[in-house]
Protein backbone atom coordinates (compact mmCIF):
# COMPACT_ATOMS: atom_id res chain seq x y z
CA UNK A 1 14.35 -4.49 19.67
CA UNK A 2 10.60 -5.31 20.18
CA UNK A 3 8.86 -7.63 18.18
CA UNK A 4 6.79 -4.87 16.61
CA UNK A 5 10.45 -3.34 15.50
CA UNK A 6 11.39 -6.34 13.74
CA UNK A 7 7.71 -6.60 11.71
CA UNK A 8 7.44 -2.80 11.07
CA UNK A 9 8.86 -1.31 8.05
CA UNK A 10 11.48 1.27 8.42
CA UNK A 11 10.44 5.01 8.22
CA UNK A 12 11.57 5.68 4.66
CA UNK A 13 9.82 2.69 3.34
CA UNK A 14 7.15 4.50 1.71
CA UNK A 15 9.42 7.06 -0.03
CA UNK A 16 11.65 4.20 -0.95
CA UNK A 17 8.27 2.42 -2.29
CA UNK A 18 7.25 5.48 -4.13
CA UNK A 19 10.50 6.08 -5.97
CA UNK A 20 10.47 2.80 -7.11
CA UNK A 21 7.05 2.29 -8.50
CA UNK A 22 5.65 5.62 -9.24
CA UNK A 23 6.36 5.41 -13.03
CA UNK A 24 5.47 1.66 -13.53
CA UNK A 25 2.05 0.95 -15.39
CA UNK A 26 -0.97 0.47 -12.89
CA UNK A 27 -0.99 -3.04 -13.25
CA UNK A 28 2.74 -3.42 -12.17
CA UNK A 29 2.08 -0.90 -9.16
CA UNK A 30 -1.02 -3.10 -8.44
CA UNK A 31 1.06 -6.34 -8.27
CA UNK A 32 3.82 -4.15 -6.05
CA UNK A 33 1.39 -2.93 -3.50
CA UNK A 34 0.17 -6.61 -3.18
CA UNK A 35 3.37 -8.07 -2.79
CA UNK A 36 4.24 -5.34 -0.09
CA UNK A 37 0.68 -5.93 1.77
CA UNK A 38 1.83 -9.64 1.67
CA UNK A 39 5.10 -8.68 3.36
CA UNK A 40 4.13 -5.88 5.52
CA UNK A 41 0.25 -5.60 5.63
CA UNK A 42 -2.78 -7.47 6.63
CA UNK A 43 -5.69 -8.61 3.93
CA UNK A 44 -8.87 -9.25 5.22
CA UNK A 45 -11.32 -11.10 2.87
CA UNK A 46 -15.00 -9.61 2.14
CA UNK A 47 -17.79 -11.48 3.69
CA UNK A 48 -19.68 -13.44 0.90
CA UNK A 49 -22.67 -11.40 -0.17
CA UNK A 50 -21.17 -8.25 0.87
CA UNK A 51 -19.94 -5.37 -1.52
CA UNK A 52 -16.03 -5.65 -2.07
CA UNK A 53 -14.41 -2.29 -0.13
CA UNK A 54 -10.63 -2.55 0.20
CA UNK A 55 -8.77 -0.68 2.91
CA UNK A 56 -4.94 -0.79 2.18
CA UNK A 57 -2.67 -0.04 5.48
CA UNK A 58 0.85 0.18 4.17
CA UNK A 59 3.66 1.68 5.28
CA UNK A 60 1.68 3.95 7.67
CA UNK A 61 -0.64 5.22 4.87
CA UNK A 62 -4.22 4.26 4.69
CA UNK A 63 -6.26 4.57 1.62
CA UNK A 64 -9.78 2.96 0.87
CA UNK A 65 -12.05 2.15 -2.33
CA UNK A 66 -13.76 -0.27 -4.21
CA UNK A 67 -11.49 -1.07 -7.38
CA UNK A 68 -9.69 2.06 -7.26
CA UNK A 69 -8.11 1.58 -3.66
CA UNK A 70 -4.64 0.97 -4.78
CA UNK A 71 -4.63 4.09 -7.32
CA UNK A 72 -5.94 6.00 -4.37
CA UNK A 73 -3.17 4.66 -2.04
CA UNK A 74 -0.34 5.35 -4.22
CA UNK A 75 -1.87 9.15 -5.27
CA UNK A 76 -1.64 9.55 -1.74
CA UNK A 77 1.73 8.07 -1.05
CA UNK A 78 3.22 9.98 -4.01
CA UNK A 79 1.70 13.08 -2.72
CA UNK A 80 3.47 12.81 0.78
CA UNK A 81 6.85 11.53 -0.94
CA UNK A 82 7.07 14.01 -3.97
CA UNK A 83 10.20 13.69 -6.02
CA UNK A 84 11.21 16.49 -8.85
């Protein structure tokens, strides 16, 4: 197992995340996304004086936005992993 394999989430991690958090309240989903980013992603702070713009790269899926970045990410994840 390579170092990358040990830190990369398993291929079904996106589907598992969506299944667990898609029905949660928006603020709860945001907390879950933040927690997953701490474990599997990267957070780069905004430079002072710049407009805050977020890019979420998590479980192989990227979404961007200002305050709506987490919502955009969850909507994209749900489209990729639909559950009936």
